[in-house]
Protein backbone atom coordinates (compact mmCIF):
# COMPACT_ATOMS: atom_id res chain seq x y z
CA UNK A 1 -84.35 -33.13 25.91
CA UNK A 2 -85.23 -31.38 22.69
CA UNK A 3 -87.74 -34.02 21.57
CA UNK A 4 -91.35 -33.53 20.45
CA UNK A 5 -94.01 -34.80 22.86
CA UNK A 6 -96.87 -36.57 21.06
CA UNK A 7 -98.86 -37.50 24.12
CA UNK A 8 -99.08 -38.00 27.87
CA UNK A 9 -100.86 -40.74 29.80
CA UNK A 10 -100.97 -41.56 33.49
CA UNK A 11 -102.08 -44.48 35.62
CA UNK A 12 -104.12 -44.37 38.79
CA UNK A 13 -102.31 -46.71 41.15
CA UNK A 14 -100.85 -45.31 44.39
CA UNK A 15 -97.45 -44.64 42.77
CA UNK A 16 -98.96 -42.97 39.73
CA UNK A 17 -96.90 -43.59 36.60
CA UNK A 18 -96.70 -40.97 33.88
CA UNK A 19 -95.84 -41.93 30.30
CA UNK A 20 -94.56 -39.55 27.64
CA UNK A 21 -94.68 -40.56 23.98
CA UNK A 22 -91.98 -38.55 22.22
CA UNK A 23 -90.21 -38.26 18.89
CA UNK A 24 -86.45 -38.36 19.40
CA UNK A 25 -85.04 -35.77 17.01
CA UNK A 26 -81.60 -37.45 17.00
CA UNK A 27 -82.87 -40.86 15.85
CA UNK A 28 -86.16 -39.72 14.25
CA UNK A 29 -87.93 -42.56 16.10
CA UNK A 30 -90.73 -42.65 18.65
CA UNK A 31 -89.77 -43.25 22.27
CA UNK A 32 -91.89 -44.04 25.29
CA UNK A 33 -90.60 -42.71 28.60
CA UNK A 34 -92.01 -43.36 32.04
CA UNK A 35 -91.58 -42.00 35.53
CA UNK A 36 -93.22 -42.61 38.89
CA UNK A 37 -93.87 -40.07 41.61
CA UNK A 38 -92.09 -37.73 42.30
CA UNK A 39 -91.14 -37.73 38.56
CA UNK A 40 -87.48 -36.85 39.02
CA UNK A 41 -86.08 -39.51 36.68
CA UNK A 42 -87.33 -41.02 33.44
CA UNK A 43 -86.63 -44.39 31.83
CA UNK A 44 -87.13 -45.44 28.21
CA UNK A 45 -89.67 -48.23 27.65
CA UNK A 46 -89.34 -50.62 24.71
CA UNK A 47 -92.02 -49.96 22.11
CA UNK A 48 -93.79 -52.65 20.09
CA UNK A 49 -91.90 -53.99 17.08
CA UNK A 50 -92.90 -52.09 13.97
CA UNK A 51 -93.59 -48.70 15.52
CA UNK A 52 -91.62 -46.14 13.62
CA UNK A 53 -91.64 -42.39 13.57
CA UNK A 54 -95.16 -41.55 12.43
CA UNK A 55 -97.41 -39.30 14.51
CA UNK A 56 -98.86 -41.26 17.35
CA UNK A 57 -101.08 -41.16 20.40
CA UNK A 58 -101.21 -42.63 23.87
CA UNK A 59 -103.86 -43.24 26.53
CA UNK A 60 -104.42 -45.37 29.62
CA UNK A 61 -107.47 -47.08 31.09
CA UNK A 62 -108.94 -47.92 34.50
CA UNK A 63 -106.88 -51.14 34.71
CA UNK A 64 -103.66 -49.09 34.25
CA UNK A 65 -103.00 -50.56 30.82
CA UNK A 66 -101.44 -48.22 28.28
CA UNK A 67 -102.36 -47.94 24.60
CA UNK A 68 -100.26 -46.54 21.77
CA UNK A 69 -101.23 -45.84 18.18
CA UNK A 70 -99.23 -44.92 15.13
CA UNK A 71 -99.82 -45.32 11.41
CA UNK A 72 -98.98 -49.03 11.65
CA UNK A 73 -101.49 -50.09 14.30
CA UNK A 74 -102.78 -49.99 17.85
CA UNK A 75 -100.94 -51.64 20.71
CA UNK A 76 -101.72 -52.43 24.36
CA UNK A 77 -99.47 -53.13 27.33
CA UNK A 78 -100.92 -54.37 30.60
CA UNK A 79 -97.54 -54.46 32.33
CA UNK A 80 -95.99 -51.01 31.99
CA UNK A 81 -94.53 -51.60 28.54
CA UNK A 82 -92.73 -54.89 29.23
CA UNK A 83 -94.80 -56.64 26.55
CA UNK A 84 -97.29 -55.50 23.90
CA UNK A 85 -100.26 -56.97 22.04
CA UNK A 86 -102.15 -55.59 19.06
CA UNK A 87 -105.40 -53.85 19.86
CA UNK A 88 -107.07 -53.19 16.52
CA UNK A 89 -109.55 -56.10 16.53
CA UNK A 90 -111.57 -56.09 13.32
CA UNK A 91 -110.04 -52.83 12.00
CA UNK A 92 -107.59 -53.79 9.28
CA UNK A 93 -104.20 -52.23 10.09
CA UNK A 94 -103.17 -52.58 6.43
CA UNK A 95 -106.04 -50.32 5.37
CA UNK A 96 -105.98 -47.86 8.27
CA UNK A 97 -103.70 -45.43 9.98
CA UNK A 98 -104.47 -44.85 13.64
CA UNK A 99 -104.26 -41.85 15.95
CA UNK A 100 -105.88 -40.25 19.00
CA UNK A 101 -106.65 -43.25 21.21
CA UNK A 102 -109.07 -42.34 24.01
CA UNK A 103 -110.43 -44.38 26.91
CA UNK A 104 -113.74 -43.23 28.36
CA UNK A 105 -114.68 -43.97 31.98
CA UNK A 106 -117.66 -46.12 30.97
CA UNK A 107 -115.24 -48.67 29.51
CA UNK A 108 -115.43 -47.62 25.87
CA UNK A 109 -112.39 -47.05 23.68
CA UNK A 110 -112.24 -44.58 20.81
CA UNK A 111 -109.72 -44.19 18.01
CA UNK A 112 -109.38 -42.15 14.84
CA UNK A 113 -108.59 -44.19 11.72
CA UNK A 114 -107.56 -42.96 8.27
CA UNK A 115 -107.37 -39.41 9.58
CA UNK A 116 -111.09 -38.67 9.55
CA UNK A 117 -113.12 -41.60 10.96
CA UNK A 118 -113.96 -41.92 14.65
CA UNK A 119 -114.46 -45.52 15.82
CA UNK A 120 -115.71 -46.91 19.15
CA UNK A 121 -115.22 -50.28 20.85
CA UNK A 122 -117.17 -51.44 23.90
CA UNK A 123 -115.60 -54.92 24.08
CA UNK A 124 -111.90 -54.25 24.70
CA UNK A 125 -111.08 -53.62 21.05
CA UNK A 126 -112.43 -56.87 19.61
CA UNK A 127 -114.91 -55.08 17.35
CA UNK A 128 -115.09 -51.43 16.32
CA UNK A 129 -118.09 -49.41 15.16
CA UNK A 130 -117.79 -46.33 12.95
CA UNK A 131 -119.32 -43.47 14.93
CA UNK A 132 -118.64 -40.55 12.65
CA UNK A 133 -116.84 -39.75 9.40
CA UNK A 134 -115.48 -36.22 9.25
CA UNK A 135 -114.97 -36.54 5.49
CA UNK A 136 -112.29 -34.17 4.23
CA UNK A 137 -111.61 -32.85 7.77
CA UNK A 138 -108.28 -34.17 9.08
CA UNK A 139 -108.70 -35.06 12.77
CA UNK A 140 -105.85 -33.90 14.99
CA UNK A 141 -107.15 -35.19 18.31
CA UNK A 142 -110.20 -36.61 20.07
CA UNK A 143 -110.83 -36.17 23.79
CA UNK A 144 -113.52 -36.47 26.43
CA UNK A 145 -114.54 -33.53 28.57
CA UNK A 146 -117.17 -34.56 31.08
CA UNK A 147 -119.87 -36.24 28.95
CA UNK A 148 -118.86 -34.65 25.65
CA UNK A 149 -116.51 -35.79 22.89
CA UNK A 150 -114.34 -32.99 21.50
CA UNK A 151 -112.65 -33.52 18.15
CA UNK A 152 -110.07 -31.05 16.89
CA UNK A 153 -109.40 -30.64 13.16
CA UNK A 154 -107.32 -28.14 11.20
CA UNK A 155 -110.44 -26.00 10.73
CA UNK A 156 -111.96 -26.08 14.20
CA UNK A 157 -113.30 -27.98 17.18
CA UNK A 158 -116.32 -30.26 16.87
CA UNK A 159 -118.42 -31.26 19.89
CA UNK A 160 -120.72 -34.22 20.44
CA UNK A 161 -123.03 -34.54 23.43
CA UNK A 162 -124.74 -37.71 22.13
CA UNK A 163 -121.86 -40.19 22.24
CA UNK A 164 -120.55 -39.37 18.76
CA UNK A 165 -123.74 -39.75 16.74
CA UNK A 166 -123.65 -36.08 15.73
CA UNK A 167 -121.11 -33.28 15.97
CA UNK A 168 -121.61 -29.49 16.00
């Protein structure tokens, strides 16, 4: 297709599933597509009610759940996209826009809210702690590489080797 890909996530079960979060240029709406090995065909998965066409992110965790963010909230599916629950805990979705969800192997979840604030949850998204505020820097993505957090903004890449307490 001619759609924009916003993110890719994969699961770890024996028949590894790959998910693509895309923007369909014909409908101007987000779509979630999935395929299992050998990835020769793709099916469209129903997204949570309320997700529109805003920039979004996707990740998966060790339990093979998938997580999607957009400007309206954070959502989790533990069954391949058949059903969805909200995943924003004590972050107010009416006061935040969400992007760049990341799951870290230790069991922590990270998300960017309001474009510049990096939050962390260590209790499955029930509560979130502000790790770092990038101020006027607009965060494009946040990722883990080994033990470091890398955050990309429009002006550069910031690195943290202390769990997000400081960035260089």
